[in-house]
PDB file of N, CA and C in Angstrom:
ATOM      1  N   MET A   1     -11.344 -15.520 -37.660  1.00  0.00           N
ATOM      2  CA  MET A   1     -10.347 -16.544 -37.448  1.00  0.00           C
ATOM      3  C   MET A   1      -8.932 -15.966 -37.563  1.00  0.00           C
ATOM      4  N   ASN A   2      -8.756 -15.013 -38.466  1.00  0.00           N
ATOM      5  CA  ASN A   2      -7.438 -14.406 -38.639  1.00  0.00           C
ATOM      6  C   ASN A   2      -7.011 -13.587 -37.421  1.00  0.00           C
ATOM      7  N   VAL A   3      -7.993 -13.093 -36.682  1.00  0.00           N
ATOM      8  CA  VAL A   3      -7.675 -12.281 -35.519  1.00  0.00           C
ATOM      9  C   VAL A   3      -6.997 -13.115 -34.437  1.00  0.00           C
ATOM     10  N   LEU A   4      -7.221 -14.415 -34.412  1.00  0.00           N
ATOM     11  CA  LEU A   4      -6.582 -15.285 -33.430  1.00  0.00           C
ATOM     12  C   LEU A   4      -5.069 -15.326 -33.611  1.00  0.00           C
ATOM     13  N   PHE A   5      -4.610 -15.136 -34.823  1.00  0.00           N
ATOM     14  CA  PHE A   5      -3.170 -15.129 -35.065  1.00  0.00           C
ATOM     15  C   PHE A   5      -2.495 -13.931 -34.392  1.00  0.00           C
ATOM     16  N   PHE A   6      -3.277 -12.893 -34.099  1.00  0.00           N
ATOM     17  CA  PHE A   6      -2.751 -11.724 -33.391  1.00  0.00           C
ATOM     18  C   PHE A   6      -3.011 -11.809 -31.889  1.00  0.00           C
ATOM     19  N   LEU A   7      -4.199 -12.295 -31.525  1.00  0.00           N
ATOM     20  CA  LEU A   7      -4.586 -12.286 -30.122  1.00  0.00           C
ATOM     21  C   LEU A   7      -3.832 -13.317 -29.284  1.00  0.00           C
ATOM     22  N   ILE A   8      -3.575 -14.482 -29.824  1.00  0.00           N
ATOM     23  CA  ILE A   8      -2.889 -15.529 -29.052  1.00  0.00           C
ATOM     24  C   ILE A   8      -1.458 -15.115 -28.709  1.00  0.00           C
ATOM     25  N   PRO A   9      -0.660 -14.629 -29.642  1.00  0.00           N
ATOM     26  CA  PRO A   9       0.686 -14.178 -29.241  1.00  0.00           C
ATOM     27  C   PRO A   9       0.665 -12.988 -28.287  1.00  0.00           C
ATOM     28  N   ILE A  10      -0.308 -12.087 -28.448  1.00  0.00           N
ATOM     29  CA  ILE A  10      -0.412 -10.954 -27.524  1.00  0.00           C
ATOM     30  C   ILE A  10      -0.745 -11.454 -26.126  1.00  0.00           C
ATOM     31  N   ALA A  11      -1.675 -12.401 -26.019  1.00  0.00           N
ATOM     32  CA  ALA A  11      -2.041 -12.952 -24.712  1.00  0.00           C
ATOM     33  C   ALA A  11      -0.858 -13.687 -24.083  1.00  0.00           C
ATOM     34  N   LEU A  12      -0.136 -14.453 -24.857  1.00  0.00           N
ATOM     35  CA  LEU A  12       1.030 -15.156 -24.327  1.00  0.00           C
ATOM     36  C   LEU A  12       2.120 -14.174 -23.904  1.00  0.00           C
ATOM     37  N   GLY A  13       2.298 -13.120 -24.668  1.00  0.00           N
ATOM     38  CA  GLY A  13       3.288 -12.101 -24.324  1.00  0.00           C
ATOM     39  C   GLY A  13       2.939 -11.379 -23.032  1.00  0.00           C
ATOM     40  N   LEU A  14       1.665 -11.031 -22.869  1.00  0.00           N
ATOM     41  CA  LEU A  14       1.244 -10.367 -21.635  1.00  0.00           C
ATOM     42  C   LEU A  14       1.371 -11.298 -20.436  1.00  0.00           C
ATOM     43  N   GLY A  15       1.063 -12.572 -20.630  1.00  0.00           N
ATOM     44  CA  GLY A  15       1.243 -13.549 -19.557  1.00  0.00           C
ATOM     45  C   GLY A  15       2.705 -13.698 -19.169  1.00  0.00           C
ATOM     46  N   ALA A  16       3.577 -13.739 -20.162  1.00  0.00           N
ATOM     47  CA  ALA A  16       5.015 -13.839 -19.891  1.00  0.00           C
ATOM     48  C   ALA A  16       5.517 -12.569 -19.206  1.00  0.00           C
ATOM     49  N   LEU A  17       5.009 -11.420 -19.608  1.00  0.00           N
ATOM     50  CA  LEU A  17       5.392 -10.167 -18.973  1.00  0.00           C
ATOM     51  C   LEU A  17       4.966 -10.147 -17.499  1.00  0.00           C
ATOM     52  N   GLY A  18       3.775 -10.624 -17.219  1.00  0.00           N
ATOM     53  CA  GLY A  18       3.307 -10.709 -15.828  1.00  0.00           C
ATOM     54  C   GLY A  18       4.155 -11.665 -15.005  1.00  0.00           C
ATOM     55  N   LEU A  19       4.544 -12.787 -15.607  1.00  0.00           N
ATOM     56  CA  LEU A  19       5.393 -13.752 -14.912  1.00  0.00           C
ATOM     57  C   LEU A  19       6.766 -13.158 -14.622  1.00  0.00           C
ATOM     58  N   VAL A  20       7.326 -12.446 -15.583  1.00  0.00           N
ATOM     59  CA  VAL A  20       8.630 -11.802 -15.386  1.00  0.00           C
ATOM     60  C   VAL A  20       8.535 -10.751 -14.276  1.00  0.00           C
ATOM     61  N   ALA A  21       7.465  -9.975 -14.259  1.00  0.00           N
ATOM     62  CA  ALA A  21       7.296  -8.963 -13.213  1.00  0.00           C
ATOM     63  C   ALA A  21       7.165  -9.612 -11.838  1.00  0.00           C
ATOM     64  N   PHE A  22       6.446 -10.714 -11.757  1.00  0.00           N
ATOM     65  CA  PHE A  22       6.305 -11.424 -10.489  1.00  0.00           C
ATOM     66  C   PHE A  22       7.638 -11.993 -10.023  1.00  0.00           C
ATOM     67  N   LEU A  23       8.385 -12.593 -10.932  1.00  0.00           N
ATOM     68  CA  LEU A  23       9.681 -13.152 -10.566  1.00  0.00           C
ATOM     69  C   LEU A  23      10.657 -12.056 -10.151  1.00  0.00           C
ATOM     70  N   TRP A  24      10.595 -10.889 -10.801  1.00  0.00           N
ATOM     71  CA  TRP A  24      11.433  -9.768 -10.402  1.00  0.00           C
ATOM     72  C   TRP A  24      11.082  -9.331  -8.986  1.00  0.00           C
ATOM     73  N   SER A  25       9.773  -9.275  -8.664  1.00  0.00           N
ATOM     74  CA  SER A  25       9.375  -8.837  -7.327  1.00  0.00           C
ATOM     75  C   SER A  25       9.835  -9.826  -6.263  1.00  0.00           C
ATOM     76  N   LEU A  26       9.853 -11.108  -6.595  1.00  0.00           N
ATOM     77  CA  LEU A  26      10.376 -12.095  -5.654  1.00  0.00           C
ATOM     78  C   LEU A  26      11.875 -11.927  -5.458  1.00  0.00           C
ATOM     79  N   LYS A  27      12.580 -11.698  -6.559  1.00  0.00           N
ATOM     80  CA  LYS A  27      14.038 -11.578  -6.497  1.00  0.00           C
ATOM     81  C   LYS A  27      14.477 -10.316  -5.756  1.00  0.00           C
ATOM     82  N   SER A  28      13.713  -9.244  -5.856  1.00  0.00           N
ATOM     83  CA  SER A  28      14.097  -7.989  -5.213  1.00  0.00           C
ATOM     84  C   SER A  28      13.485  -7.842  -3.817  1.00  0.00           C
ATOM     85  N   ASN A  29      13.016  -8.947  -3.240  1.00  0.00           N
ATOM     86  CA  ASN A  29      12.521  -8.995  -1.849  1.00  0.00           C
ATOM     87  C   ASN A  29      11.362  -8.039  -1.578  1.00  0.00           C
ATOM     88  N   GLN A  30      10.433  -7.938  -2.496  1.00  0.00           N
ATOM     89  CA  GLN A  30       9.282  -7.067  -2.297  1.00  0.00           C
ATOM     90  C   GLN A  30       8.305  -7.616  -1.268  1.00  0.00           C
ATOM     91  N   TYR A  31       8.368  -8.904  -0.964  1.00  0.00           N
ATOM     92  CA  TYR A  31       7.415  -9.545  -0.056  1.00  0.00           C
ATOM     93  C   TYR A  31       8.039  -9.875   1.290  1.00  0.00           C
ATOM     94  N   GLU A  32       9.162  -9.277   1.638  1.00  0.00           N
ATOM     95  CA  GLU A  32       9.856  -9.632   2.869  1.00  0.00           C
ATOM     96  C   GLU A  32       9.166  -9.072   4.114  1.00  0.00           C
ATOM     97  N   ASP A  33       8.749  -7.825   4.108  1.00  0.00           N
ATOM     98  CA  ASP A  33       8.227  -7.172   5.303  1.00  0.00           C
ATOM     99  C   ASP A  33       6.747  -6.857   5.125  1.00  0.00           C
ATOM    100  N   LEU A  34       5.906  -7.867   5.231  1.00  0.00           N
ATOM    101  CA  LEU A  34       4.477  -7.650   5.032  1.00  0.00           C
ATOM    102  C   LEU A  34       3.836  -6.957   6.230  1.00  0.00           C
ATOM    103  N   GLN A  35       4.317  -7.230   7.433  1.00  0.00           N
ATOM    104  CA  GLN A  35       3.743  -6.604   8.620  1.00  0.00           C
ATOM    105  C   GLN A  35       4.204  -5.151   8.774  1.00  0.00           C
ATOM    106  N   GLY A  36       5.360  -4.826   8.258  1.00  0.00           N
ATOM    107  CA  GLY A  36       5.876  -3.470   8.384  1.00  0.00           C
ATOM    108  C   GLY A  36       4.975  -2.448   7.713  1.00  0.00           C
ATOM    109  N   ALA A  37       4.458  -2.775   6.556  1.00  0.00           N
ATOM    110  CA  ALA A  37       3.565  -1.844   5.859  1.00  0.00           C
ATOM    111  C   ALA A  37       2.269  -1.656   6.630  1.00  0.00           C
ATOM    112  N   ALA A  38       1.790  -2.704   7.282  1.00  0.00           N
ATOM    113  CA  ALA A  38       0.562  -2.593   8.060  1.00  0.00           C
ATOM    114  C   ALA A  38       0.749  -1.654   9.248  1.00  0.00           C
ATOM    115  N   TYR A  39       1.914  -1.676   9.862  1.00  0.00           N
ATOM    116  CA  TYR A  39       2.173  -0.792  10.994  1.00  0.00           C
ATOM    117  C   TYR A  39       2.618   0.600  10.547  1.00  0.00           C
ATOM    118  N   ARG A  40       3.231   0.696   9.398  1.00  0.00           N
ATOM    119  CA  ARG A  40       3.709   1.988   8.908  1.00  0.00           C
ATOM    120  C   ARG A  40       2.551   2.934   8.614  1.00  0.00           C
ATOM    121  N   ILE A  41       1.417   2.399   8.194  1.00  0.00           N
ATOM    122  CA  ILE A  41       0.267   3.251   7.893  1.00  0.00           C
ATOM    123  C   ILE A  41      -0.289   3.883   9.169  1.00  0.00           C
ATOM    124  N   LEU A  42      -0.039   3.258  10.322  1.00  0.00           N
ATOM    125  CA  LEU A  42      -0.547   3.774  11.585  1.00  0.00           C
ATOM    126  C   LEU A  42       0.408   4.757  12.250  1.00  0.00           C
ATOM    127  N   ASP A  43       1.600   4.905  11.734  1.00  0.00           N
ATOM    128  CA  ASP A  43       2.599   5.781  12.323  1.00  0.00           C
ATOM    129  C   ASP A  43       2.223   7.235  12.084  1.00  0.00           C
ATOM    130  N   ASP A  44       2.179   8.007  13.161  1.00  0.00           N
ATOM    131  CA  ASP A  44       1.806   9.417  13.030  1.00  0.00           C
ATOM    132  C   ASP A  44       2.974  10.342  13.338  1.00  0.00           C
ATOM    133  N   SER A  45       4.186   9.894  13.104  1.00  0.00           N
ATOM    134  CA  SER A  45       5.358  10.700  13.428  1.00  0.00           C
ATOM    135  C   SER A  45       5.517  11.907  12.512  1.00  0.00           C
ATOM    136  N   ASP A  46       4.814  11.944  11.390  1.00  0.00           N
ATOM    137  CA  ASP A  46       4.916  13.091  10.496  1.00  0.00           C
ATOM    138  C   ASP A  46       3.933  14.202  10.860  1.00  0.00           C
ATOM    139  N   LEU A  47       3.114  14.004  11.900  1.00  0.00           N
ATOM    140  CA  LEU A  47       2.168  15.023  12.329  1.00  0.00           C
ATOM    141  C   LEU A  47       2.852  16.039  13.238  1.00  0.00           C
ATOM    142  N   GLU A  48       2.252  17.209  13.326  1.00  0.00           N
ATOM    143  CA  GLU A  48       2.738  18.243  14.238  1.00  0.00           C
ATOM    144  C   GLU A  48       2.497  17.780  15.681  1.00  0.00           C
ATOM    145  N   PRO A  49       3.281  18.278  16.639  1.00  0.00           N
ATOM    146  CA  PRO A  49       3.089  17.855  18.039  1.00  0.00           C
ATOM    147  C   PRO A  49       1.683  18.142  18.573  1.00  0.00           C
ATOM    148  N   GLU A  50       1.072  19.242  18.148  1.00  0.00           N
ATOM    149  CA  GLU A  50      -0.289  19.554  18.608  1.00  0.00           C
ATOM    150  C   GLU A  50      -1.290  18.520  18.099  1.00  0.00           C
ATOM    151  N   GLU A  51      -1.114  18.099  16.839  1.00  0.00           N
ATOM    152  CA  GLU A  51      -2.011  17.095  16.271  1.00  0.00           C
ATOM    153  C   GLU A  51      -1.816  15.752  16.948  1.00  0.00           C
ATOM    154  N   GLN A  52      -0.565  15.394  17.275  1.00  0.00           N
ATOM    155  CA  GLN A  52      -0.303  14.150  17.992  1.00  0.00           C
ATOM    156  C   GLN A  52      -0.941  14.187  19.373  1.00  0.00           C
ATOM    157  N   ALA A  53      -0.889  15.338  20.041  1.00  0.00           N
ATOM    158  CA  ALA A  53      -1.487  15.459  21.366  1.00  0.00           C
ATOM    159  C   ALA A  53      -2.996  15.280  21.298  1.00  0.00           C
ATOM    160  N   LYS A  54      -3.634  15.806  20.252  1.00  0.00           N
ATOM    161  CA  LYS A  54      -5.076  15.625  20.089  1.00  0.00           C
ATOM    162  C   LYS A  54      -5.427  14.158  19.924  1.00  0.00           C
ATOM    163  N   ILE A  55      -4.630  13.454  19.132  1.00  0.00           N
ATOM    164  CA  ILE A  55      -4.910  12.049  18.859  1.00  0.00           C
ATOM    165  C   ILE A  55      -4.756  11.220  20.127  1.00  0.00           C
ATOM    166  N   HIS A  56      -3.708  11.493  20.902  1.00  0.00           N
ATOM    167  CA  HIS A  56      -3.410  10.676  22.074  1.00  0.00           C
ATOM    168  C   HIS A  56      -4.177  11.123  23.320  1.00  0.00           C
ATOM    169  N   ALA A  57      -4.892  12.250  23.245  1.00  0.00           N
ATOM    170  CA  ALA A  57      -5.601  12.765  24.409  1.00  0.00           C
ATOM    171  C   ALA A  57      -6.829  11.923  24.741  1.00  0.00           C
ATOM    172  N   GLY A  58      -7.495  11.391  23.759  1.00  0.00           N
ATOM    173  CA  GLY A  58      -8.699  10.614  24.012  1.00  0.00           C
ATOM    174  C   GLY A  58      -9.950  11.405  23.697  1.00  0.00           C
ATOM    175  N   PRO A  59     -11.087  10.734  23.636  1.00  0.00           N
ATOM    176  CA  PRO A  59     -12.325  11.419  23.240  1.00  0.00           C
ATOM    177  C   PRO A  59     -12.833  12.420  24.276  1.00  0.00           C
ATOM    178  N   GLN A  60     -12.618  12.177  25.587  1.00  0.00           N
ATOM    179  CA  GLN A  60     -13.114  13.114  26.601  1.00  0.00           C
ATOM    180  C   GLN A  60     -12.387  14.438  26.501  1.00  0.00           C
ATOM    181  N   GLN A  61     -11.077  14.396  26.364  1.00  0.00           N
ATOM    182  CA  GLN A  61     -10.288  15.623  26.256  1.00  0.00           C
ATOM    183  C   GLN A  61     -10.630  16.378  24.982  1.00  0.00           C
ATOM    184  N   GLN A  62     -10.873  15.646  23.893  1.00  0.00           N
ATOM    185  CA  GLN A  62     -11.230  16.295  22.640  1.00  0.00           C
ATOM    186  C   GLN A  62     -12.579  16.983  22.743  1.00  0.00           C
ATOM    187  N   ALA A  63     -13.516  16.397  23.486  1.00  0.00           N
ATOM    188  CA  ALA A  63     -14.825  17.000  23.653  1.00  0.00           C
ATOM    189  C   ALA A  63     -14.707  18.288  24.461  1.00  0.00           C
ATOM    190  N   LYS A  64     -13.816  18.302  25.477  1.00  0.00           N
ATOM    191  CA  LYS A  64     -13.622  19.506  26.290  1.00  0.00           C
ATOM    192  C   LYS A  64     -13.033  20.633  25.471  1.00  0.00           C
ATOM    193  N   THR A  65     -12.049  20.316  24.636  1.00  0.00           N
ATOM    194  CA  THR A  65     -11.405  21.362  23.833  1.00  0.00           C
ATOM    195  C   THR A  65     -12.321  21.837  22.719  1.00  0.00           C
ATOM    196  N   ALA A  66     -13.220  21.003  22.249  1.00  0.00           N
ATOM    197  CA  ALA A  66     -14.127  21.411  21.182  1.00  0.00           C
ATOM    198  C   ALA A  66     -15.212  22.334  21.692  1.00  0.00           C
ATOM    199  N   SER A  67     -15.579  22.204  22.981  1.00  0.00           N
ATOM    200  CA  SER A  67     -16.662  23.036  23.513  1.00  0.00           C
ATOM    201  C   SER A  67     -16.174  24.426  23.892  1.00  0.00           C
ATOM    202  N   ARG A  68     -14.878  24.663  23.895  1.00  0.00           N
ATOM    203  CA  ARG A  68     -14.355  26.004  24.259  1.00  0.00           C
ATOM    204  C   ARG A  68     -14.603  27.008  23.195  1.00  0.00           C
TER     205      ARG A  68
END
């Protein structure tokens, strides 16, 4: 029973901390560009030009270059 005197304030504190973190994320516009992150993962601009050419060549071209 005595342990509840410690656990309840800890639980309330963690809940308040989570609420503060959520409100901070709303205030700092963390949820503004949800579609941008989905498209950013598909961007291959950091690849070398040869790697980009392999990706954009298609499966037939890749099969030809692999058999050489």
